[in-house]
């Protein structure tokens, strides 16, 4: 099946721009749900129930939805028939939904809110999410620019549907679940409509995807291992306030992961060319754009935490550590994707799973044990300290793991592609980011209003872009090409 050649920089910038432009819609949706549900009769209980359902479903029952994604993206990029894996993932979603439904009576009793329809309707959210995730994986491997477009449609449709559900049909939790589910369905249909992939149903290919995904499951085991830091800290300290600081920092720091869309086109591009230039360009692009985004997030960190809850500003240091950790994991993902795309053991024809990817994942999970132990030892030794200090100590093990993951994946990728790490572009971006943060950070503490946050965000972009234009040749090229694209659009 013929397709246009992937434009790595163009795809990344467009998808990232769309991600940022729809952020206000995401905020409005979140605020609307919280405000509407909280102001109903018995609203605090209803909103807490929705939050409990959402965290449980998205935090546990949808984790397996992503297991087949990376191998599916590679096979899709190689034009293998991947239609069967959509059915497989839908079945996996149905099984996950069934398991969830079995514990619903226990959940209602635990939360002390009896509304069977609200709880059971979350099974629809689970199934639609599973299908959406695997279709997105196919899109990433074949037509990655569609991801940004359909994600924008998701944000718009979700907001419109919840408005109708709330103010026309007077629905509550079910209305939110319907908004999410229909949003995922619309995004999935659009992706299937425009993705230029081989969607023929061939379960022998699906079987290969499942088999090879065993290697990538190790990464999810590492995430589960890191998650144990939370409940083990709770066992050590018996203080839930520490966890609230950690979780608040974690929630806001996850905004940094939005910048991962900047390399959406990497897998598709590597399927066309295994050139070292592709990896080098992806690294340059990530450092240039993601460092800007990291700078914005760090400068806005105080007001972001303040608006979540005023006393969560004490979790500022934990927030900074987790944000840097997420930034490093973005770098890791670039090298990890490049390894998967060139690892013969992950190819369609190869039956042996003992390749570079397996060795890398085993190395990472072994080192992850060290990071988790470091955090827990520090928490135990300083358990009498303030909650915000202990929350910061919890993050150190995660940061250690992120540093190791970045370095280990870099070494393997460098051996496979023999690329030259773009030291000049990377260091200049980091230096410019630090200068920008030092210049503007103190102002964010002085004024936490939303309007000032917008103004300061604009100032960050202006300062960073101006310095990058003169100090980073790659950034200068992006700015010039961006201006040309805007002119073409307006003419």
Protein backbone atom coordinates (compact mmCIF):
# COMPACT_ATOMS: atom_id res chain seq x y z
CA UNK A 1 0.00 0.00 0.00
CA UNK A 2 1.56 3.29 -1.10
CA UNK A 3 1.88 6.21 1.23
CA UNK A 4 3.54 9.58 1.35
CA UNK A 5 6.95 9.68 2.97
CA UNK A 6 6.81 10.69 6.64
CA UNK A 7 7.98 14.21 7.46
CA UNK A 8 9.41 13.67 10.93
CA UNK A 9 9.78 17.32 11.98
CA UNK A 10 6.52 18.46 10.38
CA UNK A 11 4.52 15.60 11.94
CA UNK A 12 6.03 16.17 15.37
CA UNK A 13 5.51 19.93 15.41
CA UNK A 14 1.93 19.66 14.09
CA UNK A 15 0.90 16.96 16.57
CA UNK A 16 2.53 18.77 19.48
CA UNK A 17 0.92 22.08 18.46
CA UNK A 18 -2.49 20.41 18.26
CA UNK A 19 -1.90 18.84 21.67
CA UNK A 20 -1.18 22.24 23.18
CA UNK A 21 -4.01 24.03 21.38
CA UNK A 22 -6.59 21.59 22.77
CA UNK A 23 -5.24 21.81 26.33
CA UNK A 24 -7.79 24.56 27.21
CA UNK A 25 -10.61 22.25 26.07
CA UNK A 26 -9.25 19.51 28.31
CA UNK A 27 -9.11 21.94 31.23
CA UNK A 28 -12.66 23.18 30.57
CA UNK A 29 -13.93 19.59 30.45
CA UNK A 30 -12.20 18.69 33.72
CA UNK A 31 -13.42 21.87 35.44
CA UNK A 32 -16.97 21.42 34.14
CA UNK A 33 -17.19 17.82 35.37
CA UNK A 34 -15.80 18.73 38.79
CA UNK A 35 -18.05 21.81 39.14
CA UNK A 36 -21.26 20.17 37.87
CA UNK A 37 -21.00 16.94 39.83
CA UNK A 38 -19.81 18.66 43.01
CA UNK A 39 -22.77 21.05 43.05
CA UNK A 40 -25.46 18.39 42.75
CA UNK A 41 -27.38 17.32 45.85
CA UNK A 42 -24.92 15.07 47.66
CA UNK A 43 -22.40 16.39 45.10
CA UNK A 44 -19.21 15.75 47.07
CA UNK A 45 -20.03 12.05 47.26
CA UNK A 46 -20.99 11.88 43.58
CA UNK A 47 -17.81 13.60 42.43
CA UNK A 48 -15.67 11.45 44.73
CA UNK A 49 -17.40 8.37 43.29
CA UNK A 50 -16.64 9.45 39.72
CA UNK A 51 -13.01 10.11 40.62
CA UNK A 52 -12.76 6.70 42.28
CA UNK A 53 -14.24 4.95 39.22
CA UNK A 54 -12.01 6.87 36.81
CA UNK A 55 -8.79 6.32 38.77
CA UNK A 56 -9.54 2.62 39.21
CA UNK A 57 -10.47 2.05 35.56
CA UNK A 58 -7.72 4.13 33.95
CA UNK A 59 -5.09 3.30 36.56
CA UNK A 60 -5.52 -0.48 36.63
CA UNK A 61 -8.02 -2.00 34.22
CA UNK A 62 -6.69 -0.26 31.09
CA UNK A 63 -2.97 -0.82 31.70
CA UNK A 64 -2.92 -4.00 29.53
CA UNK A 65 -4.46 -2.05 26.62
CA UNK A 66 -1.02 -0.76 25.64
CA UNK A 67 0.92 -4.03 25.81
CA UNK A 68 0.65 -4.83 22.10
CA UNK A 69 1.10 -1.25 20.89
CA UNK A 70 4.83 -1.06 20.06
CA UNK A 71 5.01 -4.29 18.05
CA UNK A 72 1.72 -3.39 16.36
CA UNK A 73 3.20 -0.02 15.35
CA UNK A 74 6.27 -1.73 13.87
CA UNK A 75 4.23 -4.32 11.94
CA UNK A 76 1.82 -1.64 10.70
CA UNK A 77 4.74 0.46 9.48
CA UNK A 78 5.99 -2.59 7.56
CA UNK A 79 2.53 -2.98 5.95
CA UNK A 80 1.72 -6.27 7.68
CA UNK A 81 -1.99 -7.17 8.02
CA UNK A 82 -2.82 -5.85 11.50
CA UNK A 83 -6.62 -5.89 11.45
CA UNK A 84 -6.78 -8.98 13.63
CA UNK A 85 -5.02 -7.36 16.58
CA UNK A 86 -7.87 -4.84 16.83
CA UNK A 87 -10.24 -7.74 17.50
CA UNK A 88 -7.77 -9.30 19.94
CA UNK A 89 -7.44 -6.05 21.90
CA UNK A 90 -11.23 -5.62 21.93
CA UNK A 91 -11.55 -9.12 23.42
CA UNK A 92 -8.85 -8.25 25.98
CA UNK A 93 -10.86 -5.13 26.82
CA UNK A 94 -14.02 -7.20 27.24
CA UNK A 95 -12.19 -9.55 29.63
CA UNK A 96 -10.85 -6.59 31.61
CA UNK A 97 -14.36 -5.11 31.73
CA UNK A 98 -15.75 -8.42 32.97
CA UNK A 99 -13.19 -8.59 35.78
CA UNK A 100 -14.05 -5.00 36.72
CA UNK A 101 -17.78 -5.75 36.75
CA UNK A 102 -17.21 -8.64 39.17
CA UNK A 103 -15.82 -6.28 41.81
CA UNK A 104 -18.46 -3.57 41.33
CA UNK A 105 -20.58 -4.71 44.34
CA UNK A 106 -17.48 -4.48 46.55
CA UNK A 107 -16.66 -1.02 45.13
CA UNK A 108 -20.14 0.33 45.82
CA UNK A 109 -19.97 -0.96 49.37
CA UNK A 110 -16.49 0.51 49.88
CA UNK A 111 -17.33 3.93 48.43
CA UNK A 112 -20.76 3.85 50.09
CA UNK A 113 -22.54 5.19 46.99
CA UNK A 114 -25.10 2.80 45.49
CA UNK A 115 -25.64 3.46 41.78
CA UNK A 116 -25.17 0.18 39.86
CA UNK A 117 -25.79 1.78 36.44
CA UNK A 118 -23.03 4.35 36.97
CA UNK A 119 -20.53 1.72 38.08
CA UNK A 120 -21.34 -0.88 35.43
CA UNK A 121 -21.41 1.67 32.59
CA UNK A 122 -17.64 2.08 33.12
CA UNK A 123 -17.25 -1.25 31.30
CA UNK A 124 -18.05 0.68 28.11
CA UNK A 125 -15.21 3.07 28.89
CA UNK A 126 -12.79 0.15 29.30
CA UNK A 127 -13.70 -1.57 26.01
CA UNK A 128 -13.67 1.60 23.89
CA UNK A 129 -10.32 2.62 25.38
CA UNK A 130 -8.75 -0.74 24.46
CA UNK A 131 -9.87 -0.41 20.84
CA UNK A 132 -8.78 3.23 20.67
CA UNK A 133 -5.29 2.40 22.00
CA UNK A 134 -4.55 -0.33 19.45
CA UNK A 135 -5.92 1.70 16.53
CA UNK A 136 -3.72 4.62 17.65
CA UNK A 137 -0.74 2.23 17.65
CA UNK A 138 -1.52 1.28 14.04
CA UNK A 139 -1.85 4.96 13.15
CA UNK A 140 1.50 5.78 14.76
CA UNK A 141 3.22 3.19 12.62
CA UNK A 142 1.58 4.16 9.36
CA UNK A 143 0.07 7.68 9.29
CA UNK A 144 1.22 9.42 12.51
CA UNK A 145 -0.03 12.90 11.65
CA UNK A 146 -3.59 11.58 11.94
CA UNK A 147 -3.01 11.10 15.70
CA UNK A 148 -2.91 14.84 16.36
CA UNK A 149 -5.96 15.53 14.22
CA UNK A 150 -8.14 12.81 15.75
CA UNK A 151 -7.02 13.72 19.28
CA UNK A 152 -8.27 17.26 18.61
CA UNK A 153 -11.63 15.87 17.47
CA UNK A 154 -11.76 13.77 20.66
CA UNK A 155 -11.34 16.83 22.87
CA UNK A 156 -14.05 18.75 21.02
CA UNK A 157 -16.55 15.88 20.84
CA UNK A 158 -16.02 14.90 24.49
CA UNK A 159 -16.77 18.44 25.65
CA UNK A 160 -19.86 18.81 23.43
CA UNK A 161 -21.26 15.44 24.51
CA UNK A 162 -20.81 16.09 28.23
CA UNK A 163 -22.55 19.47 27.87
CA UNK A 164 -25.52 17.75 26.22
CA UNK A 165 -25.49 14.95 28.80
CA UNK A 166 -25.43 17.36 31.72
CA UNK A 167 -27.71 20.19 30.66
CA UNK A 168 -30.13 18.46 28.28
CA UNK A 169 -30.49 14.96 29.73
CA UNK A 170 -29.52 15.81 33.35
CA UNK A 171 -27.15 12.85 33.55
CA UNK A 172 -24.38 12.66 36.15
CA UNK A 173 -21.57 10.07 36.25
CA UNK A 174 -23.08 8.16 33.33
CA UNK A 175 -22.94 11.36 31.27
CA UNK A 176 -19.19 11.67 31.80
CA UNK A 177 -18.62 8.01 30.90
CA UNK A 178 -20.71 8.40 27.75
CA UNK A 179 -18.72 11.51 26.78
CA UNK A 180 -15.42 9.64 27.13
CA UNK A 181 -16.67 6.51 25.38
CA UNK A 182 -18.24 8.27 22.38
CA UNK A 183 -15.14 10.44 22.14
CA UNK A 184 -12.95 7.34 21.89
CA UNK A 185 -15.32 5.78 19.36
CA UNK A 186 -15.25 8.90 17.15
CA UNK A 187 -11.45 9.09 17.39
CA UNK A 188 -11.15 5.39 16.51
CA UNK A 189 -13.48 5.64 13.50
CA UNK A 190 -11.64 8.68 12.13
CA UNK A 191 -8.28 6.97 12.58
CA UNK A 192 -9.50 3.85 10.75
CA UNK A 193 -10.92 6.08 8.01
CA UNK A 194 -7.70 7.94 7.29
CA UNK A 195 -4.93 5.56 8.31
CA UNK A 196 -3.16 4.08 5.30
CA UNK A 197 -2.54 0.68 6.87
CA UNK A 198 -3.20 -2.93 5.93
CA UNK A 199 -6.23 -3.74 8.07
CA UNK A 200 -6.74 -7.23 6.70
CA UNK A 201 -7.66 -9.67 9.46
CA UNK A 202 -4.91 -12.25 9.80
CA UNK A 203 -4.73 -13.89 13.21
CA UNK A 204 -1.36 -15.47 12.47
CA UNK A 205 0.05 -11.93 12.47
CA UNK A 206 -1.86 -11.17 15.68
CA UNK A 207 -0.29 -14.27 17.23
CA UNK A 208 3.17 -12.97 16.31
CA UNK A 209 2.37 -9.56 17.84
CA UNK A 210 1.23 -11.20 21.08
CA UNK A 211 4.33 -13.41 21.23
CA UNK A 212 6.79 -10.59 20.61
CA UNK A 213 5.00 -8.26 23.01
CA UNK A 214 6.11 -10.55 25.85
CA UNK A 215 9.46 -8.73 25.59
CA UNK A 216 7.91 -5.28 25.99
CA UNK A 217 5.73 -6.37 28.94
CA UNK A 218 8.86 -6.10 31.10
CA UNK A 219 8.61 -2.30 30.86
CA UNK A 220 5.11 -2.39 32.37
CA UNK A 221 6.39 -4.60 35.17
CA UNK A 222 8.92 -1.85 35.90
CA UNK A 223 6.12 0.73 36.14
CA UNK A 224 4.23 -1.53 38.53
CA UNK A 225 7.39 -1.92 40.59
CA UNK A 226 7.82 1.86 40.79
CA UNK A 227 4.17 2.21 41.79
CA UNK A 228 4.89 0.08 44.88
CA UNK A 229 6.85 3.04 46.28
CA UNK A 230 3.51 4.66 47.11
CA UNK A 231 1.94 1.91 49.18
CA UNK A 232 5.22 0.83 50.80
CA UNK A 233 5.78 4.45 51.88
CA UNK A 234 2.29 4.38 53.36
CA UNK A 235 3.15 1.20 55.27
CA UNK A 236 6.38 2.76 56.59
CA UNK A 237 4.96 6.15 57.59
CA UNK A 238 1.20 5.54 58.07
CA UNK A 239 0.75 9.10 56.77
CA UNK A 240 -1.59 9.56 53.77
CA UNK A 241 -0.65 13.28 53.60
CA UNK A 242 2.73 12.27 52.15
CA UNK A 243 0.97 10.35 49.40
CA UNK A 244 -1.30 13.30 48.63
CA UNK A 245 1.76 15.52 48.10
CA UNK A 246 3.42 12.90 45.92
CA UNK A 247 0.29 12.27 43.84
CA UNK A 248 -0.37 15.99 43.34
CA UNK A 249 3.19 16.44 42.07
CA UNK A 250 2.81 13.36 39.87
CA UNK A 251 -0.48 14.48 38.32
CA UNK A 252 0.81 17.93 37.35
CA UNK A 253 4.27 16.70 36.26
CA UNK A 254 2.60 14.32 33.79
CA UNK A 255 1.87 17.41 31.69
CA UNK A 256 5.50 17.06 30.56
CA UNK A 257 4.54 13.84 28.76
CA UNK A 258 2.46 15.88 26.32
CA UNK A 259 5.74 16.69 24.58
CA UNK A 260 6.15 13.01 23.63
CA UNK A 261 3.91 13.72 20.63
CA UNK A 262 6.92 15.51 19.13
CA UNK A 263 8.31 12.15 17.96
CA UNK A 264 5.01 10.61 16.83
CA UNK A 265 6.48 10.19 13.34
CA UNK A 266 9.63 8.31 14.43
CA UNK A 267 8.41 4.73 13.98
CA UNK A 268 6.90 5.47 10.57
CA UNK A 269 10.07 7.27 9.46
CA UNK A 270 12.34 4.46 10.64
CA UNK A 271 10.26 1.98 8.65
CA UNK A 272 11.22 3.98 5.54
CA UNK A 273 14.87 4.46 6.45
CA UNK A 274 17.06 3.00 9.18
CA UNK A 275 19.43 5.93 8.70
CA UNK A 276 21.33 7.39 11.66
CA UNK A 277 20.11 10.82 10.51
CA UNK A 278 16.53 9.89 11.49
CA UNK A 279 17.52 9.20 15.10
CA UNK A 280 19.73 12.29 15.24
CA UNK A 281 16.91 14.48 13.92
CA UNK A 282 14.43 13.03 16.43
CA UNK A 283 16.84 13.79 19.28
CA UNK A 284 17.45 17.35 18.05
CA UNK A 285 13.71 17.91 17.69
CA UNK A 286 12.96 16.56 21.15
CA UNK A 287 15.61 18.64 22.92
CA UNK A 288 14.60 21.80 21.05
CA UNK A 289 10.83 21.60 21.54
CA UNK A 290 10.49 19.55 24.71
CA UNK A 291 13.01 21.67 26.63
CA UNK A 292 10.85 24.69 25.83
CA UNK A 293 7.78 22.85 27.11
CA UNK A 294 9.64 21.65 30.22
CA UNK A 295 10.68 25.25 30.88
CA UNK A 296 7.05 26.39 30.67
CA UNK A 297 5.89 23.63 33.02
CA UNK A 298 8.63 24.30 35.57
CA UNK A 299 8.06 28.06 35.55
CA UNK A 300 4.31 27.54 35.94
CA UNK A 301 4.83 24.82 38.58
CA UNK A 302 3.99 26.93 41.62
CA UNK A 303 0.67 28.30 40.32
CA UNK A 304 -0.27 24.87 38.89
CA UNK A 305 0.13 23.26 42.29
CA UNK A 306 -1.52 26.26 43.98
CA UNK A 307 -4.68 25.89 41.90
CA UNK A 308 -4.81 22.17 42.56
CA UNK A 309 -4.76 22.87 46.30
CA UNK A 310 -2.98 25.74 48.04
CA UNK A 311 -0.88 23.63 50.42
CA UNK A 312 0.30 21.40 47.55
CA UNK A 313 2.80 24.13 46.69
CA UNK A 314 4.96 22.46 49.32
CA UNK A 315 5.34 19.58 46.85
CA UNK A 316 7.24 21.88 44.48
CA UNK A 317 10.56 20.03 44.74
CA UNK A 318 8.86 16.64 44.19
CA UNK A 319 7.15 18.17 41.17
CA UNK A 320 10.47 19.38 39.72
CA UNK A 321 12.13 15.98 40.17
CA UNK A 322 9.20 14.13 38.55
CA UNK A 323 9.06 16.62 35.68
CA UNK A 324 12.76 16.13 34.92
CA UNK A 325 12.23 12.38 35.20
CA UNK A 326 9.41 12.50 32.63
CA UNK A 327 11.60 14.63 30.37
CA UNK A 328 14.37 11.99 30.52
CA UNK A 329 11.90 9.21 29.77
CA UNK A 330 10.95 11.03 26.60
CA UNK A 331 14.61 10.83 25.54
CA UNK A 332 14.62 7.15 26.52
CA UNK A 333 11.55 6.47 24.36
CA UNK A 334 13.25 7.85 21.24
CA UNK A 335 16.17 5.45 21.63
CA UNK A 336 13.87 2.61 22.71
CA UNK A 337 11.67 3.00 19.62
CA UNK A 338 14.77 3.08 17.43
CA UNK A 339 16.03 -0.15 19.00
CA UNK A 340 12.69 -1.93 18.47
CA UNK A 341 12.60 -0.83 14.83
CA UNK A 342 16.05 -2.29 14.07
CA UNK A 343 16.06 -5.29 16.40
CA UNK A 344 15.76 -8.35 14.15
CA UNK A 345 14.32 -10.34 17.05
CA UNK A 346 11.28 -8.00 16.96
CA UNK A 347 10.82 -8.50 13.20
CA UNK A 348 8.01 -10.50 11.61
CA UNK A 349 10.18 -13.29 10.24
CA UNK A 350 12.28 -13.90 13.36
CA UNK A 351 11.14 -16.38 16.02
CA UNK A 352 13.94 -15.79 18.53
CA UNK A 353 12.95 -13.17 21.14
CA UNK A 354 16.42 -12.80 22.67
CA UNK A 355 17.47 -9.60 20.94
CA UNK A 356 18.55 -6.09 21.85
CA UNK A 357 15.09 -5.10 23.12
CA UNK A 358 14.90 -8.01 25.55
CA UNK A 359 18.37 -7.33 26.93
CA UNK A 360 17.59 -3.64 27.32
CA UNK A 361 14.32 -4.27 29.17
CA UNK A 362 15.88 -6.85 31.49
CA UNK A 363 18.71 -4.42 32.28
CA UNK A 364 16.22 -1.63 33.03
CA UNK A 365 14.03 -3.68 35.35
CA UNK A 366 17.09 -4.95 37.24
CA UNK A 367 18.28 -1.41 37.77
CA UNK A 368 14.75 -0.30 38.68
CA UNK A 369 15.00 -2.46 41.79
CA UNK A 370 17.91 -0.25 42.91
CA UNK A 371 15.91 2.94 42.37
CA UNK A 372 12.91 1.64 44.33
CA UNK A 373 15.14 0.46 47.20
CA UNK A 374 16.92 3.83 47.34
CA UNK A 375 13.61 5.69 47.69
CA UNK A 376 12.29 3.35 50.37
CA UNK A 377 15.53 3.42 52.40
CA UNK A 378 15.50 7.23 52.33
CA UNK A 379 11.84 7.32 53.38
CA UNK A 380 12.56 4.92 56.24
CA UNK A 381 15.64 6.82 57.45
CA UNK A 382 13.87 10.21 57.39
CA UNK A 383 10.31 9.12 58.20
CA UNK A 384 10.01 11.76 60.93
CA UNK A 385 10.58 14.60 58.41
CA UNK A 386 7.83 16.79 56.92
CA UNK A 387 5.43 15.28 54.39
CA UNK A 388 6.74 17.34 51.48
CA UNK A 389 10.35 16.24 52.17
CA UNK A 390 9.33 12.58 52.21
CA UNK A 391 7.34 13.08 48.99
CA UNK A 392 10.53 14.38 47.37
CA UNK A 393 12.54 11.40 48.66
CA UNK A 394 9.97 9.11 47.04
CA UNK A 395 10.70 10.67 43.64
CA UNK A 396 14.48 10.19 43.77
CA UNK A 397 14.35 6.48 42.94
CA UNK A 398 12.16 7.20 39.91
CA UNK A 399 14.66 9.83 38.74
CA UNK A 400 17.55 7.36 39.17
CA UNK A 401 15.66 4.85 37.00
CA UNK A 402 14.97 7.50 34.33
CA UNK A 403 18.66 8.45 34.13
CA UNK A 404 19.66 4.80 33.75
CA UNK A 405 16.96 4.09 31.16
CA UNK A 406 18.08 7.05 29.05
CA UNK A 407 21.76 6.05 29.18
CA UNK A 408 21.21 2.33 28.59
CA UNK A 409 18.85 2.84 25.63
CA UNK A 410 21.25 5.43 24.18
CA UNK A 411 24.14 2.95 24.26
CA UNK A 412 22.16 0.21 22.50
CA UNK A 413 20.71 2.60 19.90
CA UNK A 414 24.14 4.08 19.20
CA UNK A 415 25.58 0.60 18.61
CA UNK A 416 22.77 -0.23 16.17
CA UNK A 417 22.70 3.03 14.20
CA UNK A 418 26.21 4.46 14.75
CA UNK A 419 24.72 7.94 15.01
CA UNK A 420 26.49 10.96 16.40
CA UNK A 421 24.76 12.43 19.44
CA UNK A 422 23.83 16.06 18.67
CA UNK A 423 25.78 17.58 21.55
CA UNK A 424 25.61 21.19 20.35
CA UNK A 425 21.84 21.29 19.82
CA UNK A 426 21.12 19.35 23.02
CA UNK A 427 23.36 21.36 25.33
CA UNK A 428 22.30 24.68 23.83
CA UNK A 429 18.62 23.80 24.35
CA UNK A 430 19.22 22.79 27.98
CA UNK A 431 21.31 25.92 28.63
CA UNK A 432 18.68 28.19 27.07
CA UNK A 433 15.99 26.44 29.13
CA UNK A 434 17.94 27.03 32.34
CA UNK A 435 18.50 30.70 31.49
CA UNK A 436 14.78 31.12 30.75
CA UNK A 437 13.79 29.45 34.04
CA UNK A 438 16.23 31.55 36.07
CA UNK A 439 14.95 34.75 34.47
CA UNK A 440 11.22 34.12 34.90
CA UNK A 441 10.63 31.60 37.69
CA UNK A 442 10.48 34.12 40.56
CA UNK A 443 7.61 36.01 38.89
CA UNK A 444 5.34 32.92 38.92
CA UNK A 445 5.47 32.83 42.73
CA UNK A 446 4.42 36.48 42.95
CA UNK A 447 1.21 36.11 40.94
CA UNK A 448 -0.77 32.87 40.51
CA UNK A 449 -3.74 34.17 38.50
CA UNK A 450 -4.67 32.33 35.31
CA UNK A 451 -4.23 35.50 33.26
CA UNK A 452 -0.71 36.00 34.57
CA UNK A 453 0.06 32.34 33.84
CA UNK A 454 -0.93 32.89 30.21
CA UNK A 455 1.18 36.04 29.99
CA UNK A 456 4.16 34.34 31.58
CA UNK A 457 3.78 31.34 29.27
CA UNK A 458 3.98 33.72 26.31
CA UNK A 459 7.09 35.35 27.79
CA UNK A 460 8.75 31.94 28.20
CA UNK A 461 8.13 31.14 24.53
CA UNK A 462 9.41 34.56 23.46
CA UNK A 463 12.62 34.38 25.52
CA UNK A 464 13.34 30.74 24.67
CA UNK A 465 12.61 31.13 20.94
CA UNK A 466 14.68 34.32 20.69
CA UNK A 467 17.73 32.78 22.37
CA UNK A 468 17.33 29.54 20.38
CA UNK A 469 17.21 31.45 17.09
CA UNK A 470 20.72 32.78 17.72
CA UNK A 471 22.27 29.91 19.66
CA UNK A 472 20.69 26.74 18.21
CA UNK A 473 21.01 26.24 14.41
CA UNK A 474 18.38 23.47 14.43
CA UNK A 475 15.88 25.69 16.26
CA UNK A 476 16.60 28.50 13.78
CA UNK A 477 15.76 26.11 10.94
CA UNK A 478 12.47 25.07 12.58
CA UNK A 479 11.45 28.69 13.17
CA UNK A 480 12.19 29.65 9.56
CA UNK A 481 10.35 26.63 8.16
CA UNK A 482 7.44 27.31 10.50
CA UNK A 483 7.15 30.88 9.23
CA UNK A 484 7.17 29.58 5.64
CA UNK A 485 4.38 27.08 6.39
CA UNK A 486 2.26 29.84 7.99
CA UNK A 487 2.78 32.08 4.97
CA UNK A 488 1.73 29.28 2.61
CA UNK A 489 -1.41 28.70 4.66
CA UNK A 490 -2.36 32.40 4.70
CA UNK A 491 -1.68 33.01 1.00
